């Protein structure tokens, strides 16, 4: 009985620490950034008529390396923003705030994972490594340390880090000099703007309390909703540059874009901003997931 109880306690501790680590690396954010890396790699193989069998080593180096770099950036974000996280309800449970993971440990983890990730990517291509570093530098230095507390343009700057992720995967296979990776990069860049603004509206009080320079806090909800409409409208023509993915992809993605545009337009007249922002957020999450998965589906070997 003692052995069983001891084993149960050890397993419980292990699961607890795994849970804390997933909070530290922001599991939802890391998955949403690693998926486009995979998409970029997958499509590069498709358009170069290559197979995973011929690139399995590069694939694992790319996925593991990019995951480490992204995780390193997210951990450093948590380390640097611990003072803000203490003031916001949605971030008070992060291990850097509760003290479960000491700040000096988080700092070392962030640095080590970043370095390891970049080293692994160096064994793929220099282009993939450069794009990974650009994403890391933009998120950690330009977004987290420089612009987030000062300028409403922080969202625009932060969007660059998410937009380059498919380019990491693509350039691990071939140079990103064709229209497909560039348009996917643009889709992710533009998509992040209304997606993040929807979060900022929903968490308005949190950002206001922490004095973060988010657009709704500084310029109000009306300005934010108009900008969301503008950014969603910029998505409308992009599917037509991806005709190489087939008519089905273009039609379905265009339908999603028009639907999101209509929802954004409705927001200009919505009386319950919080409820509307929640719908916009949920739509944005499902939108990007459907679009990215659709890119895989339409390029599956027949």
Protein backbone atom coordinates (compact mmCIF):
# COMPACT_ATOMS: atom_id res chain seq x y z
CA UNK A 1 0.00 0.00 0.00
CA UNK A 2 2.84 2.39 0.85
CA UNK A 3 4.48 1.75 -2.50
CA UNK A 4 1.24 2.37 -4.34
CA UNK A 5 0.61 5.54 -2.38
CA UNK A 6 4.17 6.73 -3.00
CA UNK A 7 3.88 6.00 -6.72
CA UNK A 8 0.55 7.81 -6.84
CA UNK A 9 2.09 10.88 -5.21
CA UNK A 10 5.03 10.85 -7.61
CA UNK A 11 2.74 10.59 -10.62
CA UNK A 12 0.62 13.42 -9.22
CA UNK A 13 3.68 15.64 -8.83
CA UNK A 14 4.85 14.80 -12.35
CA UNK A 15 1.47 15.67 -13.85
CA UNK A 16 1.43 18.90 -11.84
CA UNK A 17 4.80 19.99 -13.16
CA UNK A 18 3.84 19.07 -16.72
CA UNK A 19 0.73 21.22 -16.29
CA UNK A 20 2.84 24.13 -15.01
CA UNK A 21 5.27 23.81 -17.90
CA UNK A 22 2.45 23.84 -20.45
CA UNK A 23 1.19 27.04 -18.84
CA UNK A 24 4.69 28.51 -19.03
CA UNK A 25 5.00 27.83 -22.76
CA UNK A 26 1.36 28.87 -23.41
CA UNK A 27 0.30 25.53 -24.92
CA UNK A 28 -2.49 26.99 -27.07
CA UNK A 29 -0.24 29.66 -28.54
CA UNK A 30 2.62 27.28 -29.23
CA UNK A 31 0.35 24.83 -31.08
CA UNK A 32 -1.14 27.63 -33.18
CA UNK A 33 2.37 28.72 -34.19
CA UNK A 34 3.87 25.28 -34.82
CA UNK A 35 0.97 24.22 -37.06
CA UNK A 36 1.80 26.84 -39.75
CA UNK A 37 5.42 25.61 -39.69
CA UNK A 38 4.12 22.17 -40.58
CA UNK A 39 1.81 23.64 -43.24
CA UNK A 40 4.74 25.47 -44.84
CA UNK A 41 6.83 22.29 -44.88
CA UNK A 42 3.95 20.21 -46.24
CA UNK A 43 3.16 22.62 -49.07
CA UNK A 44 6.82 23.04 -49.99
CA UNK A 45 7.03 19.27 -50.44
CA UNK A 46 3.81 19.28 -52.47
CA UNK A 47 4.89 22.00 -54.88
CA UNK A 48 8.39 20.59 -55.28
CA UNK A 49 7.00 17.09 -55.92
CA UNK A 50 8.96 15.72 -52.98
CA UNK A 51 7.98 13.26 -50.25
CA UNK A 52 8.40 13.02 -46.48
CA UNK A 53 10.45 9.89 -47.01
CA UNK A 54 13.12 11.95 -48.75
CA UNK A 55 13.04 14.71 -46.13
CA UNK A 56 12.16 12.95 -42.87
CA UNK A 57 15.37 14.08 -41.15
CA UNK A 58 14.85 17.69 -42.20
CA UNK A 59 11.22 17.47 -41.11
CA UNK A 60 12.04 16.45 -37.54
CA UNK A 61 14.83 19.02 -37.24
CA UNK A 62 12.47 21.72 -38.53
CA UNK A 63 9.57 20.85 -36.25
CA UNK A 64 11.64 20.31 -33.11
CA UNK A 65 13.87 23.32 -33.77
CA UNK A 66 11.00 25.70 -34.50
CA UNK A 67 9.05 24.41 -31.48
CA UNK A 68 12.03 25.12 -29.23
CA UNK A 69 12.48 28.64 -30.64
CA UNK A 70 8.78 29.45 -30.28
CA UNK A 71 8.68 27.98 -26.76
CA UNK A 72 11.76 29.99 -25.84
CA UNK A 73 10.14 33.19 -27.05
CA UNK A 74 6.93 32.51 -25.13
CA UNK A 75 8.80 31.70 -21.92
CA UNK A 76 10.84 34.91 -22.21
CA UNK A 77 7.58 36.78 -22.73
CA UNK A 78 6.26 35.33 -19.46
CA UNK A 79 9.53 36.15 -17.70
CA UNK A 80 9.57 39.78 -18.84
CA UNK A 81 5.86 40.49 -18.35
CA UNK A 82 5.47 39.03 -14.87
CA UNK A 83 4.58 42.46 -13.45
CA UNK A 84 1.76 42.86 -15.99
CA UNK A 85 0.57 39.29 -15.51
CA UNK A 86 0.08 39.93 -11.78
CA UNK A 87 -2.45 42.63 -12.63
CA UNK A 88 -4.53 40.65 -15.14
CA UNK A 89 -7.09 38.04 -14.15
CA UNK A 90 -6.42 35.76 -17.11
CA UNK A 91 -2.67 35.58 -16.39
CA UNK A 92 -2.55 35.45 -12.58
CA UNK A 93 -2.21 31.67 -12.60
CA UNK A 94 0.93 31.58 -14.72
CA UNK A 95 3.80 29.82 -12.91
CA UNK A 96 6.03 32.89 -13.19
CA UNK A 97 3.39 34.84 -11.24
CA UNK A 98 2.61 32.18 -8.64
CA UNK A 99 6.31 31.50 -8.13
CA UNK A 100 6.04 27.81 -8.98
CA UNK A 101 8.77 28.36 -11.56
CA UNK A 102 11.28 31.00 -10.35
CA UNK A 103 12.01 33.87 -12.71
CA UNK A 104 15.70 33.01 -13.06
CA UNK A 105 14.74 29.45 -14.05
CA UNK A 106 12.25 30.75 -16.63
CA UNK A 107 14.91 33.09 -18.03
CA UNK A 108 17.43 30.27 -18.41
CA UNK A 109 14.82 27.96 -19.95
CA UNK A 110 13.85 30.62 -22.48
CA UNK A 111 17.45 31.29 -23.50
CA UNK A 112 18.48 27.63 -23.65
CA UNK A 113 15.44 26.54 -25.70
CA UNK A 114 15.97 29.42 -28.12
CA UNK A 115 19.65 28.57 -28.66
CA UNK A 116 18.96 24.84 -29.02
CA UNK A 117 16.16 25.52 -31.49
CA UNK A 118 18.28 27.78 -33.67
CA UNK A 119 21.14 25.26 -33.64
CA UNK A 120 18.80 22.47 -34.78
CA UNK A 121 17.42 24.69 -37.55
CA UNK A 122 20.95 25.40 -38.76
CA UNK A 123 21.06 21.75 -39.81
CA UNK A 124 18.15 22.43 -42.20
CA UNK A 125 18.77 25.67 -44.11
CA UNK A 126 20.11 29.12 -43.27
CA UNK A 127 16.85 30.66 -44.57
CA UNK A 128 14.72 28.67 -42.11
CA UNK A 129 17.03 29.68 -39.26
CA UNK A 130 16.87 33.35 -40.24
CA UNK A 131 13.06 33.35 -40.41
CA UNK A 132 12.90 31.65 -37.01
CA UNK A 133 15.23 34.27 -35.54
CA UNK A 134 13.23 37.09 -37.12
CA UNK A 135 10.08 35.72 -35.51
CA UNK A 136 11.82 35.32 -32.15
CA UNK A 137 13.42 38.78 -32.23
CA UNK A 138 10.19 40.46 -33.29
CA UNK A 139 8.18 38.80 -30.52
CA UNK A 140 10.68 39.02 -27.67
CA UNK A 141 12.46 42.31 -28.33
CA UNK A 142 10.30 44.47 -30.60
CA UNK A 143 6.91 43.36 -29.22
CA UNK A 144 7.40 42.23 -25.60
CA UNK A 145 10.23 44.50 -24.49
CA UNK A 146 9.74 47.59 -26.63
CA UNK A 147 6.27 48.26 -28.04
CA UNK A 148 3.63 46.44 -25.96
CA UNK A 149 3.62 48.90 -23.08
CA UNK A 150 4.13 51.99 -25.23
CA UNK A 151 2.37 51.86 -28.59
CA UNK A 152 -0.90 50.55 -30.00
CA UNK A 153 1.15 49.36 -32.97
CA UNK A 154 2.35 46.54 -30.72
CA UNK A 155 -0.30 44.28 -32.26
CA UNK A 156 0.97 44.98 -35.77
CA UNK A 157 4.55 44.34 -34.70
CA UNK A 158 3.66 41.16 -32.83
CA UNK A 159 1.80 39.83 -35.85
CA UNK A 160 5.07 39.57 -37.77
CA UNK A 161 6.31 36.83 -35.44
CA UNK A 162 3.29 34.64 -36.17
CA UNK A 163 3.30 35.41 -39.88
CA UNK A 164 6.82 34.10 -40.54
CA UNK A 165 6.12 30.62 -39.14
CA UNK A 166 5.05 29.00 -42.46
CA UNK A 167 8.17 30.47 -44.05
CA UNK A 168 10.30 28.49 -41.58
CA UNK A 169 8.75 25.24 -42.77
CA UNK A 170 8.77 26.19 -46.44
CA UNK A 171 12.39 27.37 -46.59
CA UNK A 172 13.57 24.20 -44.85
CA UNK A 173 12.68 22.53 -48.17
CA UNK A 174 13.08 25.21 -50.83
CA UNK A 175 13.43 29.01 -51.14
CA UNK A 176 10.26 31.02 -50.48
CA UNK A 177 10.34 32.89 -53.78
CA UNK A 178 6.91 31.79 -55.03
CA UNK A 179 3.49 33.31 -54.41
CA UNK A 180 2.10 30.54 -52.17
CA UNK A 181 4.28 30.99 -49.04
CA UNK A 182 4.08 34.78 -49.35
CA UNK A 183 0.27 34.77 -49.45
CA UNK A 184 0.04 32.33 -46.53
CA UNK A 185 2.34 34.67 -44.61
CA UNK A 186 0.03 37.59 -45.45
CA UNK A 187 -3.06 35.66 -44.38
CA UNK A 188 -1.54 34.91 -41.00
CA UNK A 189 -0.30 38.48 -40.59
CA UNK A 190 -3.66 40.07 -41.38
CA UNK A 191 -5.68 37.43 -39.49
CA UNK A 192 -3.84 38.17 -36.24
CA UNK A 193 -5.03 41.78 -36.17
CA UNK A 194 -8.82 41.29 -35.79
CA UNK A 195 -8.14 38.13 -33.75
CA UNK A 196 -6.03 40.06 -31.22
CA UNK A 197 -8.36 43.05 -31.20
CA UNK A 198 -11.25 40.72 -30.33
CA UNK A 199 -9.24 39.49 -27.33
CA UNK A 200 -8.40 43.06 -26.36
CA UNK A 201 -12.08 44.05 -26.37
CA UNK A 202 -13.08 40.99 -24.32
CA UNK A 203 -10.26 41.63 -21.83
CA UNK A 204 -10.56 45.41 -21.91
CA UNK A 205 -10.62 45.81 -18.12
CA UNK A 206 -7.55 43.58 -17.73
CA UNK A 207 -5.50 45.55 -20.22
CA UNK A 208 -6.70 48.83 -18.76
CA UNK A 209 -5.74 47.79 -15.24
CA UNK A 210 -2.29 46.72 -16.46
CA UNK A 211 -1.94 49.90 -18.56
CA UNK A 212 -1.08 47.97 -21.69
CA UNK A 213 -1.29 50.13 -24.82
CA UNK A 214 -3.90 48.05 -26.63
CA UNK A 215 -5.99 49.83 -29.25
CA UNK A 216 -9.37 49.62 -27.42
CA UNK A 217 -7.80 51.01 -24.23
CA UNK A 218 -6.05 53.93 -25.92
CA UNK A 219 -8.42 54.85 -28.77
CA UNK A 220 -11.71 53.24 -27.80
CA UNK A 221 -13.97 50.50 -29.12
CA UNK A 222 -15.33 52.34 -32.16
CA UNK A 223 -11.88 52.89 -33.65
CA UNK A 224 -10.95 49.28 -32.88
CA UNK A 225 -14.06 47.87 -34.57
CA UNK A 226 -13.47 49.96 -37.67
CA UNK A 227 -9.89 48.72 -37.90
CA UNK A 228 -11.07 45.12 -37.48
CA UNK A 229 -13.38 45.61 -40.45
CA UNK A 230 -10.53 47.03 -42.53
CA UNK A 231 -8.21 44.13 -41.76
CA UNK A 232 -10.85 41.48 -42.45
CA UNK A 233 -11.62 43.16 -45.77
CA UNK A 234 -7.92 42.85 -46.67
CA UNK A 235 -8.33 39.06 -46.50
CA UNK A 236 -11.00 39.03 -49.22
CA UNK A 237 -8.73 38.97 -52.32
CA UNK A 238 -6.01 36.69 -50.93
CA UNK A 239 -7.57 33.26 -51.70
CA UNK A 240 -7.55 34.12 -55.41
CA UNK A 241 -3.75 34.20 -55.32
CA UNK A 242 -3.85 30.56 -54.19
CA UNK A 243 -5.62 29.10 -57.22
CA UNK A 244 -2.88 26.48 -57.31
CA UNK A 245 -4.59 24.93 -54.26
CA UNK A 246 -7.74 24.35 -56.28
CA UNK A 247 -11.20 25.83 -56.77
CA UNK A 248 -12.63 24.16 -53.67
CA UNK A 249 -10.06 25.85 -51.45
CA UNK A 250 -10.63 29.26 -53.03
CA UNK A 251 -14.45 29.01 -52.81
CA UNK A 252 -14.57 27.81 -49.20
CA UNK A 253 -11.95 30.27 -47.98
CA UNK A 254 -13.74 33.11 -49.78
CA UNK A 255 -17.01 32.08 -48.12
CA UNK A 256 -15.29 32.25 -44.72
CA UNK A 257 -13.84 35.66 -45.57
CA UNK A 258 -17.21 37.07 -46.64
CA UNK A 259 -18.86 35.65 -43.52
CA UNK A 260 -16.20 37.21 -41.30
CA UNK A 261 -16.55 40.51 -43.13
CA UNK A 262 -20.32 40.48 -42.53
CA UNK A 263 -19.76 39.70 -38.84
CA UNK A 264 -17.23 42.55 -38.60
CA UNK A 265 -19.65 44.93 -40.30
CA UNK A 266 -22.38 43.92 -37.85
CA UNK A 267 -20.01 44.85 -35.03
CA UNK A 268 -20.22 48.53 -35.99
CA UNK A 269 -23.86 48.48 -34.89
CA UNK A 270 -23.70 45.85 -32.13
CA UNK A 271 -24.92 47.02 -28.74
CA UNK A 272 -23.24 44.30 -26.69
CA UNK A 273 -19.57 44.72 -27.59
CA UNK A 274 -18.35 41.97 -25.27
CA UNK A 275 -20.73 39.38 -26.72
CA UNK A 276 -19.89 40.39 -30.28
CA UNK A 277 -16.13 40.30 -29.53
CA UNK A 278 -16.52 36.78 -28.14
CA UNK A 279 -18.18 35.65 -31.38
CA UNK A 280 -15.44 37.36 -33.40
CA UNK A 281 -12.78 35.61 -31.34
CA UNK A 282 -14.37 32.18 -31.77
CA UNK A 283 -14.84 32.78 -35.49
CA UNK A 284 -11.21 33.84 -35.89
CA UNK A 285 -9.90 30.73 -34.12
CA UNK A 286 -12.03 28.41 -36.25
CA UNK A 287 -11.30 30.43 -39.38
CA UNK A 288 -7.54 29.99 -39.28
CA UNK A 289 -7.78 26.35 -38.21
CA UNK A 290 -10.11 25.52 -41.11
CA UNK A 291 -8.02 27.42 -43.66
CA UNK A 292 -4.76 25.77 -42.58
CA UNK A 293 -6.22 22.26 -42.40
CA UNK A 294 -7.88 22.82 -45.77
CA UNK A 295 -4.45 23.48 -47.25
CA UNK A 296 -3.45 19.98 -46.19
CA UNK A 297 -6.69 18.32 -47.32
CA UNK A 298 -6.61 19.74 -50.86
CA UNK A 299 -2.98 18.68 -51.34
CA UNK A 300 -3.28 15.13 -50.01
CA UNK A 301 -1.88 12.56 -52.45
CA UNK A 302 -4.63 11.13 -54.64
